[in-house]
N, C-alpha and C. Protein backbone atom coordinates (compact mmCIF):
# COMPACT_ATOMS: atom_id res chain seq x y z
N MET A 1 145.42 85.42 86.78
CA MET A 1 145.58 84.40 87.85
C MET A 1 144.87 83.06 87.46
N ALA A 2 145.72 81.95 87.73
CA ALA A 2 145.09 80.59 87.57
C ALA A 2 144.23 80.39 88.63
N ASP A 3 143.28 79.37 88.44
CA ASP A 3 142.49 79.06 89.51
C ASP A 3 143.13 78.36 90.80
N SER A 4 142.91 78.93 91.94
CA SER A 4 143.77 78.50 93.12
C SER A 4 142.78 78.84 94.29
N ALA A 5 143.21 78.20 95.41
CA ALA A 5 142.50 78.33 96.52
C ALA A 5 142.58 79.82 97.08
N ASP A 6 143.48 80.51 96.51
CA ASP A 6 143.68 81.85 97.20
C ASP A 6 142.88 82.89 96.29
N ALA A 7 142.21 82.28 95.13
CA ALA A 7 141.47 83.33 94.48
C ALA A 7 140.12 83.59 94.94
N ILE A 8 139.40 84.81 94.44
CA ILE A 8 138.09 84.98 94.86
C ILE A 8 137.61 84.87 93.27
N ARG A 9 136.44 84.22 93.34
CA ARG A 9 135.77 83.76 92.06
C ARG A 9 134.67 84.87 92.00
N ILE A 10 134.80 85.87 90.98
CA ILE A 10 133.97 87.06 91.01
C ILE A 10 133.20 86.88 89.69
N ASN A 11 131.82 86.49 89.63
CA ASN A 11 131.15 86.49 88.45
C ASN A 11 131.73 85.36 87.46
N GLY A 12 132.33 84.24 88.22
CA GLY A 12 132.95 83.24 87.50
C GLY A 12 134.45 83.41 87.08
N THR A 13 134.92 84.46 87.33
CA THR A 13 136.36 84.79 86.93
C THR A 13 137.20 84.79 88.41
N ALA A 14 138.28 84.03 88.29
CA ALA A 14 139.23 84.04 89.44
C ALA A 14 139.99 85.28 89.50
N VAL A 15 139.89 85.85 90.67
CA VAL A 15 140.61 87.30 90.80
C VAL A 15 141.33 87.19 92.09
N GLU A 16 142.71 87.57 91.93
CA GLU A 16 143.68 87.57 93.18
C GLU A 16 143.35 88.68 94.09
N PRO A 17 143.17 88.11 95.26
CA PRO A 17 142.90 89.18 96.40
C PRO A 17 143.77 90.28 96.74
N PRO A 18 143.26 91.38 97.08
CA PRO A 18 144.30 92.45 97.26
C PRO A 18 145.32 92.08 98.10
N GLY A 19 146.48 92.68 98.06
CA GLY A 19 147.61 92.57 99.04
C GLY A 19 147.34 93.35 100.24
N ASP A 20 146.80 94.23 100.28
CA ASP A 20 146.27 94.88 101.63
C ASP A 20 145.07 94.30 102.12
N PRO A 21 145.01 93.76 103.23
CA PRO A 21 143.91 93.00 103.78
C PRO A 21 142.85 93.98 104.32
N ARG A 22 143.21 95.20 104.39
CA ARG A 22 142.21 96.20 104.79
C ARG A 22 141.07 96.54 103.64
N VAL A 23 141.31 96.22 102.46
CA VAL A 23 140.48 96.42 101.16
C VAL A 23 139.15 95.69 101.30
N SER A 24 138.01 96.70 101.28
CA SER A 24 136.74 96.00 101.31
C SER A 24 136.51 95.37 100.01
N LEU A 25 135.44 94.42 100.12
CA LEU A 25 135.15 93.72 98.94
C LEU A 25 134.52 94.87 97.87
N LEU A 26 133.77 95.75 98.54
CA LEU A 26 133.09 96.84 97.76
C LEU A 26 134.10 97.54 97.06
N ASP A 27 135.19 98.01 97.64
CA ASP A 27 136.37 98.75 96.97
C ASP A 27 136.96 97.75 96.04
N LEU A 28 137.08 96.44 96.30
CA LEU A 28 137.93 95.67 95.41
C LEU A 28 137.01 95.93 93.98
N LEU A 29 135.63 95.58 93.97
CA LEU A 29 134.63 95.36 93.01
C LEU A 29 134.69 96.86 92.17
N ARG A 30 134.73 97.91 92.84
CA ARG A 30 134.48 98.95 92.16
C ARG A 30 135.67 99.72 91.68
N GLU A 31 136.79 99.73 92.69
CA GLU A 31 137.94 100.58 92.37
C GLU A 31 138.90 99.90 91.43
N ARG A 32 139.06 98.44 91.87
CA ARG A 32 140.01 97.61 91.16
C ARG A 32 139.74 96.92 90.16
N LEU A 33 138.34 96.32 90.01
CA LEU A 33 137.78 95.47 88.91
C LEU A 33 136.84 96.03 88.08
N GLU A 34 136.49 97.52 88.41
CA GLU A 34 135.62 98.36 87.54
C GLU A 34 134.16 97.77 87.31
N LEU A 35 133.72 97.10 88.26
CA LEU A 35 132.29 96.36 88.45
C LEU A 35 131.69 97.51 89.30
N HIS A 36 130.93 98.47 88.69
CA HIS A 36 130.22 99.58 89.30
C HIS A 36 128.80 99.41 89.79
N GLY A 37 128.43 98.19 89.57
CA GLY A 37 126.84 97.89 89.92
C GLY A 37 126.58 98.07 91.26
N ALA A 38 127.59 97.35 92.17
CA ALA A 38 127.31 97.63 93.57
C ALA A 38 127.77 98.95 94.06
N LYS A 39 126.86 99.61 94.84
CA LYS A 39 127.04 101.07 94.90
C LYS A 39 127.63 101.37 96.38
N LYS A 40 128.52 102.54 96.60
CA LYS A 40 128.82 102.77 97.84
C LYS A 40 127.74 104.01 98.39
N GLY A 41 127.03 103.46 99.26
CA GLY A 41 125.68 104.33 99.82
C GLY A 41 126.33 105.05 101.12
N CYS A 42 125.99 104.14 102.31
CA CYS A 42 126.28 104.78 103.60
C CYS A 42 127.70 104.25 103.97
N ASP A 43 128.14 103.21 103.32
CA ASP A 43 129.67 102.58 103.96
C ASP A 43 129.61 102.11 105.15
N GLN A 44 128.43 101.82 105.77
CA GLN A 44 128.13 101.41 107.13
C GLN A 44 127.24 100.10 107.10
N GLY A 45 126.83 99.69 106.03
CA GLY A 45 126.01 98.40 105.97
C GLY A 45 124.58 98.70 106.23
N ALA A 46 124.25 99.83 106.15
CA ALA A 46 122.69 99.98 106.68
C ALA A 46 121.74 100.31 105.57
N CYS A 47 122.32 100.76 104.21
CA CYS A 47 121.50 100.86 103.22
C CYS A 47 121.22 99.67 102.16
N GLY A 48 122.02 98.76 102.08
CA GLY A 48 121.86 97.81 101.04
C GLY A 48 122.38 97.99 99.62
N ALA A 49 122.85 99.35 99.28
CA ALA A 49 123.27 99.46 98.17
C ALA A 49 124.33 98.78 97.53
N CYS A 50 125.24 98.01 98.39
CA CYS A 50 126.37 97.33 98.10
C CYS A 50 126.02 95.95 97.90
N THR A 51 124.75 95.41 98.05
CA THR A 51 124.58 94.08 98.32
C THR A 51 125.02 93.20 97.07
N VAL A 52 125.57 92.06 97.53
CA VAL A 52 126.11 91.22 96.41
C VAL A 52 125.91 89.73 96.95
N LEU A 53 126.20 88.63 96.10
CA LEU A 53 125.90 87.39 96.74
C LEU A 53 127.32 86.60 96.92
N ALA A 54 127.42 86.16 98.16
CA ALA A 54 128.79 85.39 98.44
C ALA A 54 128.24 83.90 98.63
N ASP A 55 128.48 83.19 97.88
CA ASP A 55 128.12 81.60 97.77
C ASP A 55 126.77 81.52 97.79
N GLY A 56 125.78 82.40 97.19
CA GLY A 56 124.48 82.31 97.17
C GLY A 56 123.81 83.13 98.09
N GLU A 57 124.44 83.63 99.21
CA GLU A 57 123.96 84.40 100.25
C GLU A 57 124.15 85.91 100.16
N ARG A 58 123.32 86.79 100.36
CA ARG A 58 123.30 88.16 100.31
C ARG A 58 124.15 88.66 101.36
N ILE A 59 125.00 89.54 101.05
CA ILE A 59 126.08 90.34 101.94
C ILE A 59 126.16 91.92 101.58
N VAL A 60 126.25 92.75 102.40
CA VAL A 60 126.56 94.17 102.24
C VAL A 60 128.15 94.31 102.05
N SER A 61 128.83 94.41 100.91
CA SER A 61 130.04 94.35 100.39
C SER A 61 130.95 95.54 101.17
N CYS A 62 130.40 96.37 101.57
CA CYS A 62 131.06 97.62 102.16
C CYS A 62 131.45 97.24 103.60
N LEU A 63 131.06 96.17 104.32
CA LEU A 63 131.44 95.60 105.51
C LEU A 63 132.41 94.35 105.40
N ALA A 64 132.55 93.98 104.26
CA ALA A 64 133.12 92.61 103.93
C ALA A 64 134.68 92.88 103.53
N LEU A 65 135.62 92.37 104.29
CA LEU A 65 136.90 92.30 103.94
C LEU A 65 137.07 91.67 102.49
N ALA A 66 137.41 91.97 101.58
CA ALA A 66 137.92 91.05 100.23
C ALA A 66 138.72 89.92 100.48
N VAL A 67 139.73 89.73 101.41
CA VAL A 67 140.34 88.70 101.81
C VAL A 67 139.58 87.62 102.33
N GLN A 68 138.43 87.93 102.96
CA GLN A 68 137.58 87.01 103.57
C GLN A 68 136.95 85.97 102.52
N TYR A 69 136.95 86.41 101.24
CA TYR A 69 136.20 85.73 100.43
C TYR A 69 137.16 84.96 99.46
N THR A 70 138.40 84.62 99.73
CA THR A 70 139.18 83.71 99.08
C THR A 70 138.74 82.49 98.98
N GLY A 71 138.78 81.73 97.78
CA GLY A 71 137.86 80.36 97.68
C GLY A 71 136.54 80.41 97.80
N ARG A 72 135.98 81.68 97.61
CA ARG A 72 134.39 81.74 97.54
C ARG A 72 133.94 82.30 96.39
N GLU A 73 132.68 82.05 95.98
CA GLU A 73 131.96 82.81 94.72
C GLU A 73 131.31 83.87 95.15
N VAL A 74 131.60 85.04 94.62
CA VAL A 74 131.14 86.35 94.68
C VAL A 74 130.30 86.52 93.19
N VAL A 75 128.89 86.93 93.34
CA VAL A 75 128.11 87.31 92.18
C VAL A 75 127.65 88.75 92.53
N THR A 76 127.86 89.51 91.44
CA THR A 76 127.35 90.95 91.47
C THR A 76 126.15 91.14 90.48
N ILE A 77 125.64 92.13 90.39
CA ILE A 77 124.46 92.48 89.49
C ILE A 77 124.91 92.08 88.20
N GLU A 78 126.35 92.34 87.72
CA GLU A 78 126.81 92.16 86.31
C GLU A 78 126.78 90.69 85.89
N GLY A 79 127.03 89.97 87.19
CA GLY A 79 127.09 88.47 86.99
C GLY A 79 125.68 87.82 86.95
N LEU A 80 124.56 88.42 87.07
CA LEU A 80 123.23 87.89 87.24
C LEU A 80 122.93 87.74 85.51
N THR A 81 123.29 88.46 84.72
CA THR A 81 122.65 88.38 83.32
C THR A 81 123.38 87.06 82.85
N GLY A 82 122.67 86.51 82.23
CA GLY A 82 122.83 85.05 81.48
C GLY A 82 123.02 85.29 80.01
N GLU A 83 123.05 83.96 79.57
CA GLU A 83 123.20 83.99 78.09
C GLU A 83 121.87 84.35 77.36
N ASP A 84 120.71 84.21 78.07
CA ASP A 84 119.32 84.53 77.43
C ASP A 84 118.94 86.02 77.84
N GLY A 85 120.18 87.00 78.28
CA GLY A 85 119.67 88.21 78.54
C GLY A 85 119.74 88.37 80.26
N PRO A 86 119.08 89.56 80.41
CA PRO A 86 118.74 89.85 81.69
C PRO A 86 118.17 88.73 82.82
N HIS A 87 118.39 88.68 83.93
CA HIS A 87 117.86 87.74 84.82
C HIS A 87 116.34 88.03 85.07
N PRO A 88 115.60 87.12 85.06
CA PRO A 88 113.97 87.52 85.21
C PRO A 88 113.78 88.42 86.17
N LEU A 89 114.40 88.54 87.33
CA LEU A 89 114.07 89.66 88.20
C LEU A 89 114.24 90.96 87.61
N GLN A 90 115.45 90.99 86.76
CA GLN A 90 115.78 92.32 86.26
C GLN A 90 114.67 92.76 85.34
N ARG A 91 114.29 91.74 84.49
CA ARG A 91 113.16 92.04 83.55
C ARG A 91 111.81 92.66 84.27
N ALA A 92 111.67 91.88 85.37
CA ALA A 92 110.48 92.27 86.24
C ALA A 92 110.60 93.79 86.88
N PHE A 93 111.75 94.17 87.33
CA PHE A 93 111.93 95.43 87.71
C PHE A 93 111.68 96.27 86.87
N VAL A 94 112.00 95.99 85.43
CA VAL A 94 111.71 97.28 84.35
C VAL A 94 110.17 97.15 84.17
N GLU A 95 109.51 96.05 84.14
CA GLU A 95 108.13 95.94 83.85
C GLU A 95 107.13 96.61 84.91
N HIS A 96 107.81 96.65 86.25
CA HIS A 96 106.86 97.25 87.24
C HIS A 96 107.36 98.38 87.75
N ASP A 97 108.27 99.20 87.11
CA ASP A 97 108.85 100.29 87.48
C ASP A 97 109.57 100.16 88.66
N GLY A 98 110.42 99.10 88.90
CA GLY A 98 110.92 98.77 90.35
C GLY A 98 112.35 99.75 90.37
N PHE A 99 112.31 100.76 89.58
CA PHE A 99 113.52 101.75 90.01
C PHE A 99 113.07 103.07 89.36
N GLN A 100 113.71 103.91 90.06
CA GLN A 100 113.37 105.31 89.31
C GLN A 100 114.95 105.90 89.25
N CYS A 101 115.49 106.22 90.32
CA CYS A 101 116.81 106.76 90.06
C CYS A 101 117.78 105.67 89.70
N GLY A 102 117.52 104.52 90.20
CA GLY A 102 118.27 103.31 89.86
C GLY A 102 119.68 102.96 90.73
N TYR A 103 119.74 104.01 91.71
CA TYR A 103 120.96 103.87 92.52
C TYR A 103 120.84 102.64 93.40
N CYS A 104 119.70 102.20 93.88
CA CYS A 104 119.73 101.07 94.74
C CYS A 104 119.41 99.79 94.14
N THR A 105 119.00 99.98 92.91
CA THR A 105 118.46 98.74 91.91
C THR A 105 119.38 97.51 92.16
N PRO A 106 120.83 97.69 91.88
CA PRO A 106 121.72 96.71 91.75
C PRO A 106 121.61 95.80 93.09
N GLY A 107 121.79 96.63 94.38
CA GLY A 107 121.34 96.05 95.51
C GLY A 107 120.31 95.27 95.86
N GLN A 108 119.09 95.95 95.61
CA GLN A 108 117.69 95.45 95.64
C GLN A 108 117.76 94.12 94.81
N ILE A 109 118.17 94.05 93.70
CA ILE A 109 118.07 92.74 92.92
C ILE A 109 118.91 91.57 93.57
N CYS A 110 120.22 92.03 93.76
CA CYS A 110 121.15 90.90 94.48
C CYS A 110 120.57 90.28 95.68
N SER A 111 120.01 91.31 96.55
CA SER A 111 119.27 90.85 97.68
C SER A 111 117.85 90.10 97.41
N ALA A 112 117.25 90.62 96.66
CA ALA A 112 116.22 89.64 96.18
C ALA A 112 116.38 88.19 95.67
N VAL A 113 117.45 87.96 94.95
CA VAL A 113 117.88 86.77 94.55
C VAL A 113 118.45 86.02 95.76
N GLY A 114 119.24 86.50 96.75
CA GLY A 114 119.39 85.83 97.79
C GLY A 114 118.22 85.45 98.71
N MET A 115 117.32 86.53 98.80
CA MET A 115 116.16 86.19 99.58
C MET A 115 115.22 85.16 99.16
N ALA A 116 115.23 84.84 97.77
CA ALA A 116 114.46 83.86 97.28
C ALA A 116 115.13 82.45 97.63
N ALA A 117 116.34 82.47 97.58
CA ALA A 117 117.08 81.30 98.27
C ALA A 117 116.68 81.02 99.63
N GLU A 118 116.60 81.92 100.53
CA GLU A 118 116.25 81.73 101.77
C GLU A 118 115.03 81.12 101.97
N LEU A 119 114.02 81.77 100.97
CA LEU A 119 112.56 81.27 101.12
C LEU A 119 112.58 79.71 100.73
N GLU A 120 113.27 79.36 99.64
CA GLU A 120 113.37 78.22 99.25
C GLU A 120 113.97 77.03 100.34
N ARG A 121 114.84 77.65 101.30
CA ARG A 121 115.41 76.70 102.17
C ARG A 121 114.57 76.74 103.30
N GLY A 122 113.51 77.47 103.46
CA GLY A 122 112.67 77.67 104.52
C GLY A 122 112.97 78.38 105.78
N VAL A 123 114.06 79.34 105.50
CA VAL A 123 114.56 80.21 106.54
C VAL A 123 113.40 81.20 106.80
N PRO A 124 112.89 81.18 108.21
CA PRO A 124 111.93 82.00 108.61
C PRO A 124 112.39 83.42 108.76
N SER A 125 111.38 84.41 108.66
CA SER A 125 111.76 85.81 108.98
C SER A 125 110.77 86.26 110.46
N TYR A 126 110.83 87.44 110.87
CA TYR A 126 109.96 87.81 111.92
C TYR A 126 108.59 87.71 111.60
N VAL A 127 108.02 87.91 110.24
CA VAL A 127 106.73 87.95 109.94
C VAL A 127 106.18 86.61 109.30
N THR A 128 107.06 85.43 109.38
CA THR A 128 106.93 84.18 108.79
C THR A 128 105.62 83.67 109.70
N ASP A 129 104.55 83.43 109.12
CA ASP A 129 103.50 82.72 110.04
C ASP A 129 103.82 81.17 110.26
N ASP A 130 104.36 80.34 109.46
CA ASP A 130 104.49 78.99 110.02
C ASP A 130 105.79 78.71 109.80
N LEU A 131 106.55 78.72 111.02
CA LEU A 131 108.08 78.30 111.33
C LEU A 131 108.35 77.19 110.94
N ALA A 132 107.75 76.12 111.06
CA ALA A 132 107.82 74.79 110.41
C ALA A 132 107.92 74.81 108.94
N ALA A 133 107.58 75.47 108.24
CA ALA A 133 107.37 75.25 106.82
C ALA A 133 108.67 74.97 105.96
N GLU A 134 108.58 73.98 105.06
CA GLU A 134 109.76 73.71 104.50
C GLU A 134 109.99 74.86 103.25
N ARG A 135 109.13 75.39 102.84
CA ARG A 135 109.20 76.52 101.93
C ARG A 135 108.28 77.55 102.27
N ILE A 136 108.69 78.83 101.92
CA ILE A 136 107.87 80.01 102.51
C ILE A 136 107.61 80.93 101.35
N ALA A 137 106.06 81.19 101.18
CA ALA A 137 105.70 81.90 100.13
C ALA A 137 106.10 83.36 100.39
N PRO A 138 106.47 83.97 99.29
CA PRO A 138 106.99 85.53 99.25
C PRO A 138 105.84 86.42 99.27
N GLY A 139 104.68 86.54 100.17
CA GLY A 139 103.85 87.28 100.09
C GLY A 139 104.31 88.85 100.26
N ARG A 140 103.45 89.84 100.22
CA ARG A 140 103.99 91.20 100.37
C ARG A 140 104.42 91.49 101.63
N ASP A 141 104.00 91.03 102.72
CA ASP A 141 104.37 91.34 104.02
C ASP A 141 105.82 90.57 104.27
N GLU A 142 106.09 89.46 103.73
CA GLU A 142 107.40 88.83 103.89
C GLU A 142 108.19 89.28 103.13
N VAL A 143 108.01 89.61 101.92
CA VAL A 143 109.14 90.34 101.12
C VAL A 143 109.40 91.82 101.70
N ARG A 144 108.53 92.34 102.06
CA ARG A 144 108.61 93.72 102.78
C ARG A 144 109.84 93.64 103.98
N GLU A 145 109.42 92.72 104.68
CA GLU A 145 110.37 92.47 105.88
C GLU A 145 111.61 91.86 105.77
N ARG A 146 111.91 90.85 104.62
CA ARG A 146 113.13 90.49 104.27
C ARG A 146 114.02 91.43 103.52
N MET A 147 113.41 92.48 102.85
CA MET A 147 113.97 93.64 102.04
C MET A 147 114.08 94.79 102.78
N SER A 148 113.96 94.69 103.82
CA SER A 148 113.92 95.95 104.94
C SER A 148 115.36 96.47 104.97
N GLY A 149 116.31 95.83 104.81
CA GLY A 149 117.79 96.24 104.69
C GLY A 149 118.11 97.00 103.61
N ASN A 150 117.24 96.88 102.57
CA ASN A 150 117.64 97.63 101.34
C ASN A 150 116.88 98.77 101.23
N LEU A 151 117.38 99.95 101.44
CA LEU A 151 116.51 101.15 101.29
C LEU A 151 116.58 101.84 99.74
N CYS A 152 115.22 102.30 99.51
CA CYS A 152 114.84 102.94 98.33
C CYS A 152 114.46 104.37 98.88
N ARG A 153 115.16 105.43 98.27
CA ARG A 153 114.77 106.80 98.72
C ARG A 153 114.11 107.63 97.56
N CYS A 154 113.77 106.96 96.52
CA CYS A 154 113.15 107.79 95.46
C CYS A 154 111.80 107.24 95.11
N GLY A 155 111.23 106.27 95.76
CA GLY A 155 109.77 105.86 96.00
C GLY A 155 109.35 104.77 94.90
N ALA A 156 110.40 103.92 94.63
CA ALA A 156 110.13 102.67 93.88
C ALA A 156 109.73 101.53 94.52
N HIS A 157 109.65 101.73 95.74
CA HIS A 157 109.32 100.40 96.77
C HIS A 157 108.03 99.78 96.30
N ASN A 158 107.05 100.16 96.21
CA ASN A 158 105.84 99.18 95.63
C ASN A 158 106.11 98.58 94.34
N GLY A 159 106.62 99.16 93.50
CA GLY A 159 107.42 98.35 92.15
C GLY A 159 108.36 97.27 92.41
N ILE A 160 109.20 97.62 93.35
CA ILE A 160 110.23 96.66 93.87
C ILE A 160 109.55 95.53 94.43
N VAL A 161 108.65 95.51 95.33
CA VAL A 161 107.88 94.60 95.99
C VAL A 161 107.04 93.81 95.05
N ALA A 162 106.39 94.33 93.97
CA ALA A 162 105.77 93.74 92.90
C ALA A 162 106.42 92.91 91.95
N ALA A 163 107.60 93.54 91.74
CA ALA A 163 108.46 92.94 90.77
C ALA A 163 109.13 91.46 91.45
N ILE A 164 109.29 91.71 92.63
CA ILE A 164 109.83 90.32 93.71
C ILE A 164 108.83 89.27 93.79
N THR A 165 107.55 89.79 94.08
CA THR A 165 106.50 88.78 94.57
C THR A 165 105.98 88.14 93.06
N GLU A 166 106.13 88.86 91.92
CA GLU A 166 105.71 88.12 90.57
C GLU A 166 106.77 87.33 90.28
N THR A 167 108.12 87.59 90.44
CA THR A 167 109.09 86.72 90.03
C THR A 167 109.29 85.43 91.04
N TYR A 168 109.17 85.70 92.14
CA TYR A 168 109.21 84.51 93.00
C TYR A 168 108.13 83.78 93.71
N GLY A 169 106.81 84.55 93.36
CA GLY A 169 105.53 84.14 94.02
C GLY A 169 105.42 82.71 93.44
N THR A 170 104.30 82.17 94.31
CA THR A 170 104.14 80.67 93.84
C THR A 170 103.39 80.36 92.58
N GLU A 171 102.65 81.66 92.11
CA GLU A 171 102.22 81.45 90.79
C GLU A 171 103.22 81.54 89.61
N ALA A 172 104.45 82.19 90.00
CA ALA A 172 105.63 82.11 89.00
C ALA A 172 106.52 80.87 89.04
N ARG A 173 106.11 80.00 89.94
CA ARG A 173 107.09 78.62 89.71
C ARG A 173 106.39 77.74 88.94
């Protein structure tokens, strides 16, 4: 498909939206494009395993209809790897044992990348101390609150938080 306003850009490639408007973005990614990073967990938007980035913001792709994303840029875990190899957060997950079973890992990483953009924009959370701050530091409480929509059942939560705070902490900038 040529680049058109009707295309969905997925990891930099123009993709024709499905003919059936009921197809979820997650099903388009997994079943039609064979991008299996985003996982189908609860299929209700509660676990975060299917989190991807849409125009830089994190979304749960199981609740998104693919046709809603025509003309937009969607990035999956597969699209975060660059020419230099894995994304810095992916490397930090490995260094901090931020995964055990790995099922939630792609959604956790995509969510954390979107979360970092929120912090940069100064978007407050429930636990943000300074609501007028232009930029918010990603301390442990802030990260835990913001990542609460991404569940980990195998016990890697502390490693996940450590990887995120190391990657996006003020000392890492």
